[in-house]
N, C-alpha and C. Protein backbone atom coordinates (compact mmCIF):
# COMPACT_ATOMS: atom_id res chain seq x y z
N MET A 1 -49.70 -0.08 -118.54
CA MET A 1 -48.56 -0.55 -117.79
C MET A 1 -48.53 0.19 -116.45
N ARG A 2 -48.22 -0.54 -115.37
CA ARG A 2 -48.18 0.04 -114.05
C ARG A 2 -46.82 0.67 -113.75
N ALA A 3 -46.88 1.74 -112.96
CA ALA A 3 -45.64 2.36 -112.49
C ALA A 3 -45.15 1.61 -111.26
N LYS A 4 -43.86 1.55 -111.09
CA LYS A 4 -43.29 0.87 -109.94
C LYS A 4 -43.50 1.70 -108.68
N LYS A 5 -43.81 1.01 -107.58
CA LYS A 5 -43.97 1.69 -106.30
C LYS A 5 -42.60 1.98 -105.71
N LYS A 6 -42.47 3.17 -105.16
CA LYS A 6 -41.24 3.51 -104.45
C LYS A 6 -41.44 3.20 -102.98
N THR A 7 -40.45 2.55 -102.38
CA THR A 7 -40.55 2.24 -100.97
C THR A 7 -39.63 3.16 -100.20
N ALA A 8 -40.08 3.60 -99.05
CA ALA A 8 -39.28 4.47 -98.20
C ALA A 8 -38.38 3.61 -97.31
N THR A 9 -37.18 4.09 -97.06
CA THR A 9 -36.26 3.40 -96.16
C THR A 9 -36.03 4.25 -94.93
N ALA A 10 -35.74 3.60 -93.82
CA ALA A 10 -35.51 4.31 -92.58
C ALA A 10 -34.21 5.12 -92.63
N TYR A 11 -33.18 4.56 -93.24
CA TYR A 11 -31.89 5.24 -93.34
C TYR A 11 -31.47 5.27 -94.81
N PRO A 12 -30.82 6.33 -95.22
CA PRO A 12 -30.33 6.36 -96.60
C PRO A 12 -29.22 5.33 -96.79
N ALA A 13 -28.96 5.00 -98.03
CA ALA A 13 -27.95 3.99 -98.33
C ALA A 13 -26.55 4.47 -97.97
N HIS A 14 -26.32 5.77 -98.03
CA HIS A 14 -24.98 6.31 -97.80
C HIS A 14 -24.95 7.08 -96.49
N LEU A 15 -24.43 6.46 -95.45
CA LEU A 15 -24.26 7.12 -94.16
C LEU A 15 -22.85 7.69 -94.09
N ILE A 16 -22.69 8.73 -93.32
CA ILE A 16 -21.38 9.35 -93.12
C ILE A 16 -20.79 8.77 -91.85
N GLU A 17 -19.60 8.22 -91.94
CA GLU A 17 -18.92 7.70 -90.76
C GLU A 17 -17.87 8.69 -90.31
N THR A 18 -17.86 9.01 -89.02
CA THR A 18 -16.91 9.94 -88.46
C THR A 18 -16.64 9.56 -87.01
N THR A 19 -15.69 10.21 -86.41
CA THR A 19 -15.40 9.96 -85.01
C THR A 19 -16.07 11.02 -84.15
N GLY A 20 -16.24 10.70 -82.89
CA GLY A 20 -16.81 11.64 -81.95
C GLY A 20 -16.27 11.36 -80.56
N LYS A 21 -16.47 12.32 -79.66
CA LYS A 21 -16.01 12.18 -78.29
C LYS A 21 -17.21 12.37 -77.37
N ILE A 22 -17.45 11.41 -76.48
CA ILE A 22 -18.57 11.48 -75.55
C ILE A 22 -18.36 12.63 -74.59
N VAL A 23 -19.37 13.49 -74.46
CA VAL A 23 -19.30 14.63 -73.55
C VAL A 23 -20.03 14.31 -72.24
N ALA A 24 -21.27 13.80 -72.36
CA ALA A 24 -22.07 13.50 -71.16
C ALA A 24 -23.16 12.50 -71.50
N PRO A 25 -23.54 11.65 -70.53
CA PRO A 25 -24.69 10.77 -70.75
C PRO A 25 -25.98 11.56 -70.62
N ILE A 26 -27.00 11.20 -71.41
CA ILE A 26 -28.30 11.87 -71.34
C ILE A 26 -29.33 10.95 -70.72
N ALA A 27 -29.50 9.77 -71.29
CA ALA A 27 -30.48 8.79 -70.81
C ALA A 27 -29.93 7.40 -71.10
N ASN A 28 -30.75 6.39 -70.91
CA ASN A 28 -30.31 5.02 -71.18
C ASN A 28 -29.91 4.86 -72.63
N GLY A 29 -28.62 4.65 -72.88
CA GLY A 29 -28.14 4.42 -74.22
C GLY A 29 -27.99 5.67 -75.07
N ALA A 30 -28.27 6.85 -74.53
CA ALA A 30 -28.13 8.10 -75.29
C ALA A 30 -27.07 8.98 -74.62
N TYR A 31 -26.30 9.66 -75.46
CA TYR A 31 -25.19 10.49 -74.97
C TYR A 31 -25.13 11.76 -75.80
N ARG A 32 -24.50 12.77 -75.25
CA ARG A 32 -24.18 13.97 -76.02
C ARG A 32 -22.71 13.83 -76.40
N ALA A 33 -22.40 14.08 -77.67
CA ALA A 33 -21.04 13.91 -78.16
C ALA A 33 -20.64 15.10 -79.01
N SER A 34 -19.34 15.34 -79.09
CA SER A 34 -18.85 16.41 -79.95
C SER A 34 -18.24 15.79 -81.20
N LEU A 35 -18.53 16.39 -82.34
CA LEU A 35 -17.99 15.94 -83.62
C LEU A 35 -16.64 16.62 -83.85
N PRO A 36 -15.86 16.16 -84.83
CA PRO A 36 -14.56 16.78 -85.09
C PRO A 36 -14.64 18.28 -85.44
N ASN A 37 -15.78 18.74 -85.98
CA ASN A 37 -15.92 20.15 -86.31
C ASN A 37 -16.38 21.00 -85.12
N GLY A 38 -16.57 20.36 -83.93
CA GLY A 38 -16.95 21.08 -82.73
C GLY A 38 -18.44 21.09 -82.44
N LYS A 39 -19.27 20.65 -83.38
CA LYS A 39 -20.72 20.63 -83.18
C LYS A 39 -21.10 19.54 -82.19
N LEU A 40 -22.04 19.85 -81.29
CA LEU A 40 -22.57 18.85 -80.36
C LEU A 40 -23.76 18.15 -80.98
N THR A 41 -23.87 16.87 -80.76
CA THR A 41 -24.97 16.09 -81.31
C THR A 41 -25.39 15.03 -80.30
N VAL A 42 -26.59 14.51 -80.46
CA VAL A 42 -27.09 13.42 -79.62
C VAL A 42 -26.76 12.11 -80.33
N VAL A 43 -26.12 11.21 -79.60
CA VAL A 43 -25.78 9.90 -80.17
C VAL A 43 -26.43 8.82 -79.32
N TYR A 44 -26.73 7.70 -79.95
CA TYR A 44 -27.34 6.60 -79.22
C TYR A 44 -26.70 5.28 -79.62
N MET A 45 -26.83 4.31 -78.72
CA MET A 45 -26.29 2.98 -78.96
C MET A 45 -27.43 2.01 -79.21
N PRO A 46 -27.42 1.32 -80.34
CA PRO A 46 -28.38 0.23 -80.52
C PRO A 46 -28.12 -0.86 -79.47
N LYS A 47 -29.13 -1.64 -79.15
CA LYS A 47 -29.01 -2.64 -78.08
C LYS A 47 -27.87 -3.62 -78.33
N ARG A 48 -27.72 -4.08 -79.56
CA ARG A 48 -26.67 -5.08 -79.83
C ARG A 48 -25.29 -4.50 -79.60
N VAL A 49 -25.09 -3.23 -79.92
CA VAL A 49 -23.79 -2.59 -79.69
C VAL A 49 -23.61 -2.30 -78.20
N GLY A 50 -24.67 -1.91 -77.53
CA GLY A 50 -24.60 -1.62 -76.10
C GLY A 50 -24.20 -2.83 -75.28
N GLN A 51 -24.64 -4.00 -75.69
CA GLN A 51 -24.27 -5.22 -74.98
C GLN A 51 -22.79 -5.51 -75.15
N GLN A 52 -22.22 -5.16 -76.29
CA GLN A 52 -20.81 -5.41 -76.54
C GLN A 52 -19.91 -4.38 -75.87
N LEU A 53 -20.34 -3.10 -75.85
CA LEU A 53 -19.49 -2.03 -75.35
C LEU A 53 -19.64 -1.76 -73.86
N GLY A 54 -20.81 -1.99 -73.31
CA GLY A 54 -21.06 -1.60 -71.93
C GLY A 54 -21.31 -0.10 -71.87
N ALA A 55 -21.22 0.46 -70.68
CA ALA A 55 -21.48 1.90 -70.52
C ALA A 55 -20.28 2.72 -70.98
N LEU A 56 -20.55 3.86 -71.59
CA LEU A 56 -19.51 4.76 -72.04
C LEU A 56 -19.31 5.87 -71.01
N GLN A 57 -18.10 6.36 -70.92
CA GLN A 57 -17.77 7.43 -69.99
C GLN A 57 -17.44 8.70 -70.78
N SER A 58 -17.49 9.84 -70.11
CA SER A 58 -17.10 11.10 -70.74
C SER A 58 -15.65 10.99 -71.19
N GLY A 59 -15.37 11.44 -72.39
CA GLY A 59 -14.02 11.39 -72.94
C GLY A 59 -13.76 10.19 -73.83
N ASP A 60 -14.64 9.20 -73.86
CA ASP A 60 -14.46 8.03 -74.73
C ASP A 60 -14.62 8.43 -76.19
N LYS A 61 -13.75 7.90 -77.04
CA LYS A 61 -13.85 8.15 -78.48
C LYS A 61 -14.67 7.02 -79.11
N VAL A 62 -15.58 7.40 -80.01
CA VAL A 62 -16.46 6.42 -80.65
C VAL A 62 -16.53 6.69 -82.15
N LEU A 63 -16.89 5.65 -82.90
CA LEU A 63 -17.14 5.77 -84.32
C LEU A 63 -18.63 5.96 -84.51
N LEU A 64 -19.03 6.97 -85.29
CA LEU A 64 -20.44 7.33 -85.45
C LEU A 64 -20.88 7.18 -86.88
N ALA A 65 -22.16 6.86 -87.08
CA ALA A 65 -22.79 6.84 -88.40
C ALA A 65 -23.83 7.96 -88.41
N LEU A 66 -23.64 8.95 -89.28
CA LEU A 66 -24.52 10.11 -89.38
C LEU A 66 -25.36 10.05 -90.63
N ASN A 67 -26.59 10.50 -90.51
CA ASN A 67 -27.47 10.66 -91.66
C ASN A 67 -27.03 11.92 -92.40
N PRO A 68 -26.78 11.89 -93.70
CA PRO A 68 -26.28 13.06 -94.41
C PRO A 68 -27.26 14.24 -94.42
N SER A 69 -28.53 14.00 -94.20
CA SER A 69 -29.48 15.11 -94.25
C SER A 69 -29.61 15.82 -92.91
N SER A 70 -29.15 15.20 -91.81
CA SER A 70 -29.27 15.83 -90.50
C SER A 70 -28.14 15.35 -89.60
N PHE A 71 -27.40 16.27 -89.04
CA PHE A 71 -26.31 15.92 -88.13
C PHE A 71 -26.74 16.03 -86.68
N ASP A 72 -28.05 16.12 -86.41
CA ASP A 72 -28.53 16.27 -85.05
C ASP A 72 -28.49 14.97 -84.26
N TYR A 73 -28.59 13.83 -84.94
CA TYR A 73 -28.59 12.53 -84.29
C TYR A 73 -27.61 11.62 -85.01
N ALA A 74 -26.96 10.75 -84.23
CA ALA A 74 -26.02 9.80 -84.82
C ALA A 74 -26.14 8.48 -84.08
N ARG A 75 -25.65 7.44 -84.72
CA ARG A 75 -25.67 6.09 -84.14
C ARG A 75 -24.23 5.69 -83.85
N ILE A 76 -23.99 5.15 -82.66
CA ILE A 76 -22.65 4.67 -82.28
C ILE A 76 -22.46 3.29 -82.89
N THR A 77 -21.37 3.12 -83.63
CA THR A 77 -21.11 1.81 -84.23
C THR A 77 -20.04 1.04 -83.47
N MET A 78 -19.07 1.74 -82.86
CA MET A 78 -18.05 1.06 -82.06
C MET A 78 -17.26 2.06 -81.23
N ARG A 79 -16.63 1.56 -80.17
CA ARG A 79 -15.74 2.38 -79.35
C ARG A 79 -14.35 2.29 -79.96
N LEU A 80 -13.65 3.42 -80.01
CA LEU A 80 -12.30 3.45 -80.57
C LEU A 80 -11.27 3.39 -79.45
N PRO A 81 -10.13 2.76 -79.72
CA PRO A 81 -9.07 2.72 -78.70
C PRO A 81 -8.51 4.14 -78.50
N GLU A 82 -8.08 4.40 -77.29
CA GLU A 82 -7.56 5.74 -77.00
C GLU A 82 -6.12 5.89 -77.32
């Protein structure tokens, strides 16, 4: 009998959603943001979200999806009202 193959996924099934505040732009679609605990992290906008949100400014609040194994990078899911 054969063993089942395990497939690797790019993102885990359980992402952590939290809020963040944009501190400064880094590059096209990438920003430095502060998390609620004060840690700075690099956040990026996927193209489909970037088309909906436009450019973000310092001080904008955003909703982030973090990988539970590393808080160094996060994905912006939406802009929050101020």
